[in-house]
Amino acid sequence: MRDRRLKLVLPLCGVLLCAVVYWAASPGEPRYHGRSISVWLEDYPHFKQLDWRESEAAIRAAGTNGIPYIFREFRRRDSFTKSMRTRLWFNGPTWVKRLVGPPKSRFDVSYAPEVFSAIGPASIPALIAALGDENEQVRIAAIKALGEFGPRAKDAIPALTNLLAQAQSRLAADANTNFLAQWPERHLASTIKSSIARIDSESTPKPPSN
C-alpha cells in the first residue's frame, strides 16, 4: 500500500517541481512603478490624461516584452455589462445617462502608432508578423503602427501590398453593395494605402533640386 502511494506521489511531485522551475525561469509580466503592463494598457487613456510622459515611459520600459500584452488588449472584447453601459449612454434618455455615467475610454487601435513608436523600431518584426494575425484589430493596429516608422519598415511593403490587394478584391466582388456596407473595407484599404505611402515615399530618394 505504501509503495503504491509513493508511485502516485512521486510523479506528481516531479510535475510540480517542473512547473515551479518553469515559472521561476520564465520572465514575468513587465512592470513599471508597481503596475503591470496590463494595468497600464487597460487604463492607458486615463493614465495618459493624468501624465502622458509617465504613460509613455511605462510602454518604453516594457519594450518588446510588452508587445504580446498590447496585442492581447487589442483582442479583448468589452464585457456585456460595459457594452450595455455604452449603449445606454449613447442611446438612452437623459435620466439613464445620469444614472450610468459616461463609459470609460478604452485602449484601442487608435493608440497603436504612439505606443509602438515609444517601443521603437525593435517592434517592427512583431508588427510585420501581426499583419497575418487572425484578429482584425491586431492587423489594423499593425498597419497603423508600421506607417509611423517610415522607410525603416520597408520590409513590411510586400505584406501590406498583399493585404491591400485582398481588400480591393473583396470590394470588387461586392461592387453592387451600397457604400455604407462597404465602408469598413474601404476604410481598411485607405489605411493600408496611407501606411504604404508613408513607408515608400520617405524611402524614395528625392531628385536633386536645381
Protein backbone atom coordinates (compact mmCIF):
# COMPACT_ATOMS: atom_id res chain seq x y z
CA MET A 1 0.00 0.00 0.00
CA ARG A 2 2.82 2.38 0.92
CA ASP A 3 4.72 1.58 -2.26
CA ARG A 4 1.61 2.26 -4.29
CA ARG A 5 1.20 5.69 -2.67
CA LEU A 6 4.83 6.51 -3.37
CA LYS A 7 4.35 5.58 -7.03
CA LEU A 8 1.45 8.01 -7.22
CA VAL A 9 3.04 10.84 -5.23
CA LEU A 10 6.50 10.86 -6.84
CA PRO A 11 5.33 11.60 -10.41
CA LEU A 12 3.04 14.33 -9.07
CA CYS A 13 5.96 15.89 -7.17
CA GLY A 14 8.03 15.76 -10.34
CA VAL A 15 5.34 17.58 -12.31
CA LEU A 16 5.01 20.24 -9.61
CA LEU A 17 8.76 20.70 -9.48
CA CYS A 18 8.94 21.16 -13.25
CA ALA A 19 6.11 23.70 -13.07
CA VAL A 20 7.91 25.66 -10.35
CA VAL A 21 11.19 25.64 -12.28
CA TYR A 22 9.41 26.76 -15.47
CA TRP A 23 7.61 29.55 -13.63
CA ALA A 24 10.83 30.73 -11.99
CA ALA A 25 12.75 30.69 -15.29
CA SER A 26 10.01 32.41 -17.30
CA PRO A 27 10.13 36.20 -17.48
CA GLY A 28 7.25 37.76 -15.59
CA GLU A 29 4.90 40.38 -16.93
CA PRO A 30 6.69 43.73 -17.33
CA ARG A 31 6.03 46.19 -14.53
CA TYR A 32 6.60 49.90 -14.13
CA HIS A 33 6.25 51.81 -10.88
CA GLY A 34 4.43 48.92 -9.24
CA ARG A 35 1.87 48.42 -12.01
CA SER A 36 1.87 45.56 -14.51
CA ILE A 37 1.86 46.45 -18.21
CA SER A 38 -1.68 45.03 -18.41
CA VAL A 39 -2.90 47.62 -15.92
CA TRP A 40 -1.11 50.42 -17.77
CA LEU A 41 -2.73 49.33 -21.05
CA GLU A 42 -6.22 48.73 -19.72
CA ASP A 43 -6.36 52.27 -18.29
CA TYR A 44 -3.98 53.83 -20.81
CA PRO A 45 -6.34 56.68 -21.84
CA HIS A 46 -6.83 57.61 -18.18
CA PHE A 47 -3.14 57.41 -17.31
CA LYS A 48 -2.27 59.39 -20.43
CA GLN A 49 -4.68 62.12 -19.42
CA LEU A 50 -3.06 62.30 -15.98
CA ASP A 51 0.53 62.32 -17.27
CA TRP A 52 1.31 61.34 -20.83
CA ARG A 53 5.05 61.27 -20.12
CA GLU A 54 4.55 58.67 -17.41
CA SER A 55 2.35 56.53 -19.67
CA GLU A 56 4.89 56.68 -22.48
CA ALA A 57 7.68 55.81 -20.06
CA ALA A 58 5.75 52.72 -18.93
CA ILE A 59 5.40 51.49 -22.52
CA ARG A 60 9.04 52.25 -23.27
CA ALA A 61 10.19 50.43 -20.14
CA ALA A 62 8.25 47.31 -21.11
CA GLY A 63 9.83 47.39 -24.58
CA THR A 64 9.30 44.44 -26.88
CA ASN A 65 8.37 42.30 -23.85
CA GLY A 66 5.18 44.32 -23.68
CA ILE A 67 4.10 43.64 -27.28
CA PRO A 68 2.16 40.40 -26.55
CA TYR A 69 0.18 42.27 -23.88
CA ILE A 70 -0.55 45.12 -26.28
CA PHE A 71 -1.92 42.70 -28.86
CA ARG A 72 -3.88 40.89 -26.16
CA GLU A 73 -5.53 44.17 -25.19
CA PHE A 74 -6.49 44.83 -28.81
CA ARG A 75 -8.08 41.37 -28.98
CA ARG A 76 -10.07 41.87 -25.79
CA ARG A 77 -13.78 42.47 -26.18
CA ASP A 78 -15.87 44.55 -23.83
CA SER A 79 -17.89 42.66 -21.25
CA PHE A 80 -21.67 42.51 -21.64
CA THR A 81 -22.06 45.00 -18.78
CA LYS A 82 -19.66 47.50 -20.33
CA SER A 83 -21.28 47.14 -23.78
CA MET A 84 -24.73 47.76 -22.30
CA ARG A 85 -23.46 50.77 -20.37
CA THR A 86 -22.03 52.25 -23.57
CA ARG A 87 -25.29 51.69 -25.46
CA LEU A 88 -27.33 53.23 -22.67
CA TRP A 89 -25.03 56.24 -22.54
CA PHE A 90 -25.29 56.94 -26.27
CA ASN A 91 -28.91 55.86 -26.86
CA GLY A 92 -30.70 56.13 -23.52
CA PRO A 93 -32.77 59.00 -22.15
CA THR A 94 -31.15 61.74 -20.10
CA TRP A 95 -32.07 60.26 -16.72
CA VAL A 96 -30.45 56.93 -17.68
CA LYS A 97 -27.27 58.68 -18.83
CA ARG A 98 -27.05 60.41 -15.47
CA LEU A 99 -27.51 57.09 -13.73
CA VAL A 100 -24.91 55.04 -15.63
CA GLY A 101 -22.40 57.82 -16.29
CA PRO A 102 -20.12 58.07 -19.35
CA PRO A 103 -18.30 54.91 -20.46
CA LYS A 104 -14.60 54.68 -19.71
CA SER A 105 -12.34 55.24 -22.70
CA ARG A 106 -10.56 52.08 -23.69
CA PHE A 107 -7.20 51.29 -25.21
CA ASP A 108 -7.95 50.69 -28.88
CA VAL A 109 -6.07 50.61 -32.19
CA SER A 110 -6.01 54.40 -32.43
CA TYR A 111 -3.23 54.28 -29.82
CA ALA A 112 -1.13 51.79 -31.80
CA PRO A 113 1.10 54.35 -33.58
CA GLU A 114 2.13 56.09 -30.37
CA VAL A 115 2.72 53.01 -28.21
CA PHE A 116 4.80 51.24 -30.85
CA SER A 117 6.70 54.44 -31.56
CA ALA A 118 7.53 54.53 -27.84
CA ILE A 119 8.89 50.97 -28.08
CA GLY A 120 10.84 51.88 -31.20
CA PRO A 121 11.99 50.11 -34.40
CA ALA A 122 12.65 46.90 -32.44
CA SER A 123 8.89 46.34 -32.65
CA ILE A 124 8.84 46.24 -36.47
CA PRO A 125 9.38 42.45 -36.85
CA ALA A 126 6.50 41.74 -34.46
CA LEU A 127 4.29 44.22 -36.32
CA ILE A 128 5.06 42.61 -39.68
CA ALA A 129 4.19 39.20 -38.21
CA ALA A 130 0.96 40.68 -36.82
CA LEU A 131 -0.19 41.56 -40.34
CA GLY A 132 -1.06 37.87 -40.66
CA ASP A 133 -2.89 37.67 -37.32
CA GLU A 134 -6.39 36.20 -37.40
CA ASN A 135 -7.73 39.10 -35.32
CA GLU A 136 -8.74 42.10 -37.40
CA GLN A 137 -7.99 44.65 -34.67
CA VAL A 138 -4.44 43.34 -34.32
CA ARG A 139 -3.93 43.59 -38.09
CA ILE A 140 -5.27 47.14 -38.21
CA ALA A 141 -3.08 48.14 -35.26
CA ALA A 142 -0.02 46.75 -37.06
CA ILE A 143 -0.93 48.55 -40.30
CA LYS A 144 -1.30 51.87 -38.50
CA ALA A 145 1.87 51.46 -36.44
CA LEU A 146 4.11 50.42 -39.34
CA GLY A 147 3.37 53.66 -41.18
CA GLU A 148 4.86 55.58 -38.25
CA PHE A 149 8.30 54.08 -38.89
CA GLY A 150 8.58 55.31 -42.47
CA PRO A 151 11.37 53.70 -44.53
CA ARG A 152 12.58 51.71 -41.53
CA ALA A 153 9.52 49.50 -42.07
CA LYS A 154 10.24 48.85 -45.76
CA ASP A 155 10.28 45.08 -45.14
CA ALA A 156 6.54 45.34 -44.48
CA ILE A 157 5.75 46.56 -48.01
CA PRO A 158 5.14 43.08 -49.54
CA ALA A 159 2.75 42.02 -46.76
CA LEU A 160 0.95 45.38 -46.83
CA THR A 161 0.63 45.23 -50.61
CA ASN A 162 -0.86 41.75 -50.32
CA LEU A 163 -3.39 42.93 -47.71
CA LEU A 164 -4.34 45.85 -49.96
CA ALA A 165 -4.87 43.53 -52.93
CA GLN A 166 -7.13 41.32 -50.79
CA ALA A 167 -9.18 44.31 -49.63
CA GLN A 168 -9.55 45.64 -53.18
CA SER A 169 -10.54 42.18 -54.41
CA ARG A 170 -13.30 41.98 -51.77
CA LEU A 171 -14.52 45.44 -52.74
CA ALA A 172 -14.63 44.46 -56.41
CA ALA A 173 -16.56 41.29 -55.57
CA ASP A 174 -19.12 43.36 -53.63
CA ALA A 175 -19.32 46.17 -56.17
CA ASN A 176 -23.12 46.15 -56.08
CA THR A 177 -23.22 46.59 -52.30
CA ASN A 178 -24.21 50.03 -51.04
CA PHE A 179 -21.46 52.41 -49.96
CA LEU A 180 -22.34 52.28 -46.26
CA ALA A 181 -21.96 48.49 -46.16
CA GLN A 182 -18.62 48.76 -47.95
CA TRP A 183 -17.30 51.48 -45.67
CA PRO A 184 -15.27 49.22 -43.29
CA GLU A 185 -13.48 47.59 -46.24
CA ARG A 186 -12.91 50.95 -47.93
CA HIS A 187 -11.54 52.39 -44.71
CA LEU A 188 -9.20 49.41 -44.34
CA ALA A 189 -7.91 49.83 -47.91
CA SER A 190 -7.40 53.55 -47.28
CA THR A 191 -5.45 52.85 -44.07
CA ILE A 192 -3.20 50.37 -45.85
CA LYS A 193 -2.56 52.79 -48.71
CA SER A 194 -1.67 55.53 -46.25
CA SER A 195 0.87 53.34 -44.45
CA ILE A 196 2.43 52.13 -47.69
CA ALA A 197 2.71 55.72 -48.92
CA ARG A 198 4.41 56.85 -45.70
CA ILE A 199 6.89 53.99 -45.85
CA ASP A 200 7.52 54.11 -49.59
CA SER A 201 7.60 57.85 -50.26
CA GLU A 202 10.01 58.55 -47.42
CA SER A 203 12.32 55.77 -48.61
CA THR A 204 12.36 57.01 -52.21
CA PRO A 205 15.28 59.38 -52.84
CA LYS A 206 14.17 62.85 -53.89
CA PRO A 207 15.56 64.22 -57.14
CA PRO A 208 18.23 66.88 -56.68
CA SER A 209 16.94 70.42 -56.90
CA ASN A 210 18.39 72.77 -59.49
